């Protein structure tokens, strides 16, 4: 794998630019994830979830349309972006 990476010709300016872009994008996504997690309501089901609560409510049928579901999806997307940025940053660090 090292021979494949060493064959890539990346100028120092491009290397610095890509590194800065990866770090800044990961930092912005991390801050966004913190805000989104703080906006999400807690699971207050507690022990009542063990009793087999009914999900045949209006909320149960339309759960995918709620703000809570959208926040969970945004959290997953931002965490995936952070993961891709960090893997890219690691690969760029391997290039001499």
C-alpha atoms as a PDB file:
ATOM      1  CA  UNK A   1       0.000   0.000   0.000  1.00  0.00           C
ATOM      2  CA  UNK A   2       2.917   2.315   0.670  1.00  0.00           C
ATOM      3  CA  UNK A   3       4.116   1.946  -2.927  1.00  0.00           C
ATOM      4  CA  UNK A   4       0.679   2.927  -4.215  1.00  0.00           C
ATOM      5  CA  UNK A   5       0.587   5.971  -1.959  1.00  0.00           C
ATOM      6  CA  UNK A   6       4.128   7.008  -2.853  1.00  0.00           C
ATOM      7  CA  UNK A   7       3.235   6.929  -6.559  1.00  0.00           C
ATOM      8  CA  UNK A   8       0.649   9.642  -5.974  1.00  0.00           C
ATOM      9  CA  UNK A   9       2.149  12.988  -6.789  1.00  0.00           C
ATOM     10  CA  UNK A  10       0.593  15.653  -4.604  1.00  0.00           C
ATOM     11  CA  UNK A  11       2.097  19.093  -4.372  1.00  0.00           C
ATOM     12  CA  UNK A  12       2.664  20.532  -0.930  1.00  0.00           C
ATOM     13  CA  UNK A  13       0.092  23.277  -1.571  1.00  0.00           C
ATOM     14  CA  UNK A  14      -2.583  20.728  -2.488  1.00  0.00           C
ATOM     15  CA  UNK A  15      -1.640  18.596   0.507  1.00  0.00           C
ATOM     16  CA  UNK A  16      -1.963  21.575   2.864  1.00  0.00           C
ATOM     17  CA  UNK A  17      -5.242  22.660   1.295  1.00  0.00           C
ATOM     18  CA  UNK A  18      -6.798  19.191   1.519  1.00  0.00           C
ATOM     19  CA  UNK A  19      -5.596  18.782   5.100  1.00  0.00           C
ATOM     20  CA  UNK A  20      -7.060  22.132   6.135  1.00  0.00           C
ATOM     21  CA  UNK A  21     -10.346  21.382   4.366  1.00  0.00           C
ATOM     22  CA  UNK A  22     -10.641  17.986   6.091  1.00  0.00           C
ATOM     23  CA  UNK A  23      -9.918  19.388   9.547  1.00  0.00           C
ATOM     24  CA  UNK A  24     -12.206  22.411   9.177  1.00  0.00           C
ATOM     25  CA  UNK A  25     -15.071  20.330   7.772  1.00  0.00           C
ATOM     26  CA  UNK A  26     -14.693  17.775  10.572  1.00  0.00           C
ATOM     27  CA  UNK A  27     -14.640  20.528  13.211  1.00  0.00           C
ATOM     28  CA  UNK A  28     -17.754  22.206  11.801  1.00  0.00           C
ATOM     29  CA  UNK A  29     -19.561  18.857  11.647  1.00  0.00           C
ATOM     30  CA  UNK A  30     -18.493  18.033  15.213  1.00  0.00           C
ATOM     31  CA  UNK A  31     -19.916  21.325  16.485  1.00  0.00           C
ATOM     32  CA  UNK A  32     -23.098  20.714  14.507  1.00  0.00           C
ATOM     33  CA  UNK A  33     -23.407  17.215  16.003  1.00  0.00           C
ATOM     34  CA  UNK A  34     -23.041  18.673  19.501  1.00  0.00           C
ATOM     35  CA  UNK A  35     -25.812  21.197  18.852  1.00  0.00           C
ATOM     36  CA  UNK A  36     -28.110  18.634  17.242  1.00  0.00           C
ATOM     37  CA  UNK A  37     -27.627  16.160  20.097  1.00  0.00           C
ATOM     38  CA  UNK A  38     -28.420  18.865  22.634  1.00  0.00           C
ATOM     39  CA  UNK A  39     -31.610  19.709  20.717  1.00  0.00           C
ATOM     40  CA  UNK A  40     -32.846  16.112  20.754  1.00  0.00           C
ATOM     41  CA  UNK A  41     -35.271  15.214  23.524  1.00  0.00           C
ATOM     42  CA  UNK A  42     -34.295  12.448  25.905  1.00  0.00           C
ATOM     43  CA  UNK A  43     -35.938   9.042  25.923  1.00  0.00           C
ATOM     44  CA  UNK A  44     -38.269   9.395  28.857  1.00  0.00           C
ATOM     45  CA  UNK A  45     -39.875   5.983  28.363  1.00  0.00           C
ATOM     46  CA  UNK A  46     -37.855   4.454  31.159  1.00  0.00           C
ATOM     47  CA  UNK A  47     -39.419   1.338  32.644  1.00  0.00           C
ATOM     48  CA  UNK A  48     -42.756   1.920  30.912  1.00  0.00           C
ATOM     49  CA  UNK A  49     -41.205   0.626  27.678  1.00  0.00           C
ATOM     50  CA  UNK A  50     -40.917  -2.822  29.282  1.00  0.00           C
ATOM     51  CA  UNK A  51     -44.660  -2.933  29.881  1.00  0.00           C
ATOM     52  CA  UNK A  52     -45.407  -3.113  26.167  1.00  0.00           C
ATOM     53  CA  UNK A  53     -46.699   0.382  25.576  1.00  0.00           C
ATOM     54  CA  UNK A  54     -48.993   0.844  22.614  1.00  0.00           C
ATOM     55  CA  UNK A  55     -47.509   2.405  19.487  1.00  0.00           C
ATOM     56  CA  UNK A  56     -50.865   2.759  17.738  1.00  0.00           C
ATOM     57  CA  UNK A  57     -50.961   6.462  18.374  1.00  0.00           C
ATOM     58  CA  UNK A  58     -50.814   9.304  15.915  1.00  0.00           C
ATOM     59  CA  UNK A  59     -47.211   9.895  16.953  1.00  0.00           C
ATOM     60  CA  UNK A  60     -46.335   6.237  16.356  1.00  0.00           C
ATOM     61  CA  UNK A  61     -47.640   6.282  12.791  1.00  0.00           C
ATOM     62  CA  UNK A  62     -46.022   9.588  11.831  1.00  0.00           C
ATOM     63  CA  UNK A  63     -42.729   9.175  13.640  1.00  0.00           C
ATOM     64  CA  UNK A  64     -40.617   9.523  10.483  1.00  0.00           C
ATOM     65  CA  UNK A  65     -42.037  13.006   9.880  1.00  0.00           C
ATOM     66  CA  UNK A  66     -41.151  14.435  13.279  1.00  0.00           C
ATOM     67  CA  UNK A  67     -38.365  16.846  14.099  1.00  0.00           C
ATOM     68  CA  UNK A  68     -36.830  14.218  16.389  1.00  0.00           C
ATOM     69  CA  UNK A  69     -36.409  11.777  13.484  1.00  0.00           C
ATOM     70  CA  UNK A  70     -34.924  14.479  11.266  1.00  0.00           C
ATOM     71  CA  UNK A  71     -32.417  15.392  13.984  1.00  0.00           C
ATOM     72  CA  UNK A  72     -31.377  11.735  14.319  1.00  0.00           C
ATOM     73  CA  UNK A  73     -30.844  11.495  10.561  1.00  0.00           C
ATOM     74  CA  UNK A  74     -28.784  14.712  10.554  1.00  0.00           C
ATOM     75  CA  UNK A  75     -26.685  13.340  13.414  1.00  0.00           C
ATOM     76  CA  UNK A  76     -25.914  10.171  11.454  1.00  0.00           C
ATOM     77  CA  UNK A  77     -25.029  12.101   8.315  1.00  0.00           C
ATOM     78  CA  UNK A  78     -22.675  14.450  10.178  1.00  0.00           C
ATOM     79  CA  UNK A  79     -20.961  11.577  11.963  1.00  0.00           C
ATOM     80  CA  UNK A  80     -20.435   9.856   8.599  1.00  0.00           C
ATOM     81  CA  UNK A  81     -18.913  13.078   7.199  1.00  0.00           C
ATOM     82  CA  UNK A  82     -16.573  13.308  10.194  1.00  0.00           C
ATOM     83  CA  UNK A  83     -15.519   9.683   9.671  1.00  0.00           C
ATOM     84  CA  UNK A  84     -14.769  10.250   5.970  1.00  0.00           C
ATOM     85  CA  UNK A  85     -12.815  13.435   6.743  1.00  0.00           C
ATOM     86  CA  UNK A  86     -10.691  11.726   9.378  1.00  0.00           C
ATOM     87  CA  UNK A  87      -9.945   8.728   7.144  1.00  0.00           C
ATOM     88  CA  UNK A  88      -8.986  11.101   4.318  1.00  0.00           C
ATOM     89  CA  UNK A  89      -6.799  13.111   6.687  1.00  0.00           C
ATOM     90  CA  UNK A  90      -5.075   9.895   7.849  1.00  0.00           C
ATOM     91  CA  UNK A  91      -4.426   8.784   4.260  1.00  0.00           C
ATOM     92  CA  UNK A  92      -3.023  12.223   3.435  1.00  0.00           C
ATOM     93  CA  UNK A  93      -0.705  11.949   6.445  1.00  0.00           C
ATOM     94  CA  UNK A  94       0.693   8.671   5.054  1.00  0.00           C
ATOM     95  CA  UNK A  95       1.819  10.348   1.852  1.00  0.00           C
ATOM     96  CA  UNK A  96       5.418  11.562   2.253  1.00  0.00           C
END
